[in-house]
């Protein structure tokens, strides 16, 4: 009888260890994915702010070709990664708005013949879009990882 109890205890202990490893592994994967999503959001925010800074340098300081040397490839890559990694509709909607506002701002600036009020409106729209992405990604991280 004690052999059966010992065997049962060993099986139960093994099952508990396997279940624990599964739970820990799942938690680590969730944390890693949330970190990757947050990293892509941060990259998009930084690149968007960099573009607006470059635009300001051209507009106010008179520097040339600052926006032309902006890293659009990195922006597109971070956006694609975010779209693949994240299924959250608020984050994806914020990403779509950020891309649209950036395209509108950059296209208007590059065309020449600028109306200052219209440029300011587009500049502000892009700034609001960046803030919306930051808020949506922060909320997603808090939901996934708990309050930080």
Protein backbone atom coordinates (compact mmCIF):
# COMPACT_ATOMS: atom_id res chain seq x y z
CA UNK A 1 0.00 0.00 0.00
CA UNK A 2 2.79 2.48 0.82
CA UNK A 3 4.29 1.84 -2.65
CA UNK A 4 1.01 3.03 -4.23
CA UNK A 5 0.94 6.12 -2.05
CA UNK A 6 4.55 6.86 -2.95
CA UNK A 7 3.80 6.37 -6.65
CA UNK A 8 0.69 8.57 -6.42
CA UNK A 9 2.66 11.28 -4.61
CA UNK A 10 5.38 11.17 -7.27
CA UNK A 11 2.84 11.45 -10.11
CA UNK A 12 1.03 14.31 -8.34
CA UNK A 13 4.32 16.11 -7.71
CA UNK A 14 5.34 15.70 -11.34
CA UNK A 15 1.96 16.98 -12.54
CA UNK A 16 2.24 20.03 -10.26
CA UNK A 17 5.76 20.75 -11.55
CA UNK A 18 4.69 20.47 -15.19
CA UNK A 19 1.64 22.67 -14.60
CA UNK A 20 3.83 25.23 -12.85
CA UNK A 21 6.29 25.30 -15.73
CA UNK A 22 3.43 25.78 -18.18
CA UNK A 23 1.97 28.68 -16.22
CA UNK A 24 5.36 30.35 -15.81
CA UNK A 25 6.18 29.84 -19.50
CA UNK A 26 2.86 31.32 -20.58
CA UNK A 27 3.38 34.29 -18.30
CA UNK A 28 6.88 34.85 -19.69
CA UNK A 29 5.60 34.69 -23.29
CA UNK A 30 2.82 37.18 -22.49
CA UNK A 31 5.32 39.51 -20.85
CA UNK A 32 7.73 39.23 -23.77
CA UNK A 33 5.02 39.94 -26.33
CA UNK A 34 3.84 42.97 -24.35
CA UNK A 35 7.44 44.22 -24.23
CA UNK A 36 7.76 43.83 -28.00
CA UNK A 37 4.48 45.70 -28.60
CA UNK A 38 5.57 48.47 -26.24
CA UNK A 39 8.95 48.69 -27.96
CA UNK A 40 7.34 49.12 -31.39
CA UNK A 41 4.95 51.77 -30.05
CA UNK A 42 7.85 53.64 -28.47
CA UNK A 43 9.77 53.45 -31.76
CA UNK A 44 6.80 54.87 -33.69
CA UNK A 45 6.32 57.66 -31.17
CA UNK A 46 10.01 58.58 -31.20
CA UNK A 47 10.17 58.57 -35.00
CA UNK A 48 7.02 60.69 -35.29
CA UNK A 49 8.35 63.23 -32.83
CA UNK A 50 11.66 63.22 -34.69
CA UNK A 51 9.85 64.06 -37.94
CA UNK A 52 8.00 66.96 -36.35
CA UNK A 53 11.28 68.24 -34.87
CA UNK A 54 12.93 68.06 -38.28
CA UNK A 55 10.00 69.90 -39.84
CA UNK A 56 10.34 72.60 -37.16
CA UNK A 57 14.08 72.88 -37.88
CA UNK A 58 13.35 73.47 -41.55
CA UNK A 59 10.46 75.84 -40.94
CA UNK A 60 11.82 77.94 -38.07
CA UNK A 61 15.59 77.54 -38.25
CA UNK A 62 15.81 77.49 -42.03
CA UNK A 63 17.78 74.25 -42.18
CA UNK A 64 17.44 72.27 -45.39
CA UNK A 65 16.70 68.61 -46.13
CA UNK A 66 16.06 67.69 -42.49
CA UNK A 67 12.76 65.96 -43.28
CA UNK A 68 14.24 64.35 -46.40
CA UNK A 69 16.74 62.44 -44.26
CA UNK A 70 14.11 61.20 -41.80
CA UNK A 71 14.07 57.40 -41.43
CA UNK A 72 10.76 56.44 -43.04
CA UNK A 73 11.94 52.83 -43.41
CA UNK A 74 12.26 52.44 -39.62
CA UNK A 75 8.80 53.98 -39.18
CA UNK A 76 7.24 51.56 -41.66
CA UNK A 77 9.05 48.58 -40.13
CA UNK A 78 7.91 49.43 -36.60
CA UNK A 79 4.35 49.89 -37.87
CA UNK A 80 4.42 46.51 -39.62
CA UNK A 81 5.81 44.79 -36.52
CA UNK A 82 3.13 46.38 -34.37
CA UNK A 83 0.40 45.28 -36.74
CA UNK A 84 1.72 41.68 -36.63
CA UNK A 85 2.26 41.53 -32.87
CA UNK A 86 -0.80 43.37 -31.63
CA UNK A 87 -4.45 42.53 -32.08
CA UNK A 88 -5.75 45.32 -29.88
CA UNK A 89 -8.19 47.42 -31.92
CA UNK A 90 -7.49 50.66 -30.01
CA UNK A 91 -3.77 50.38 -30.66
CA UNK A 92 -4.29 49.49 -34.32
CA UNK A 93 -6.76 52.36 -34.81
CA UNK A 94 -4.24 54.74 -33.20
CA UNK A 95 -1.56 53.37 -35.52
CA UNK A 96 -3.76 53.98 -38.56
CA UNK A 97 -4.44 57.56 -37.45
CA UNK A 98 -0.75 58.16 -36.79
CA UNK A 99 0.17 56.93 -40.27
CA UNK A 100 -2.58 59.04 -41.88
CA UNK A 101 -1.70 62.20 -39.97
CA UNK A 102 2.01 61.78 -40.68
CA UNK A 103 1.37 61.24 -44.37
CA UNK A 104 -0.86 64.31 -44.46
CA UNK A 105 1.68 66.45 -42.62
CA UNK A 106 4.72 65.28 -44.58
CA UNK A 107 2.96 65.50 -47.92
CA UNK A 108 1.73 69.01 -47.25
CA UNK A 109 5.15 70.19 -46.11
CA UNK A 110 6.96 68.72 -49.10
CA UNK A 111 4.62 70.19 -51.68
CA UNK A 112 5.81 73.75 -51.00
CA UNK A 113 3.47 76.78 -51.05
CA UNK A 114 2.56 76.36 -47.39
CA UNK A 115 -0.28 78.10 -45.57
CA UNK A 116 0.94 78.51 -41.98
CA UNK A 117 -2.48 77.87 -40.41
CA UNK A 118 -3.03 74.72 -42.45
CA UNK A 119 0.44 73.44 -41.58
CA UNK A 120 -0.22 74.13 -37.90
CA UNK A 121 -3.49 72.18 -38.10
CA UNK A 122 -1.77 69.18 -39.67
CA UNK A 123 1.13 69.43 -37.23
CA UNK A 124 -1.31 69.40 -34.30
CA UNK A 125 -3.25 66.46 -35.73
CA UNK A 126 -0.02 64.46 -35.91
CA UNK A 127 0.87 65.43 -32.34
CA UNK A 128 -2.57 64.29 -31.11
CA UNK A 129 -2.17 61.01 -33.03
CA UNK A 130 1.14 60.36 -31.26
CA UNK A 131 -0.51 60.99 -27.89
CA UNK A 132 -3.37 58.63 -28.80
CA UNK A 133 -0.93 55.83 -29.67
CA UNK A 134 0.94 56.40 -26.42
CA UNK A 135 -2.29 56.24 -24.41
CA UNK A 136 -3.60 53.15 -26.22
CA UNK A 137 -0.33 51.27 -25.85
CA UNK A 138 -0.01 52.20 -22.17
CA UNK A 139 -3.53 50.99 -21.51
CA UNK A 140 -2.80 47.72 -23.33
CA UNK A 141 0.35 47.14 -21.29
CA UNK A 142 -1.49 47.85 -18.02
CA UNK A 143 -4.23 45.38 -18.97
CA UNK A 144 -1.74 42.69 -19.94
CA UNK A 145 0.85 43.16 -17.23
CA UNK A 146 -1.09 44.86 -14.46
CA UNK A 147 -0.42 48.31 -13.08
CA UNK A 148 3.25 49.27 -13.28
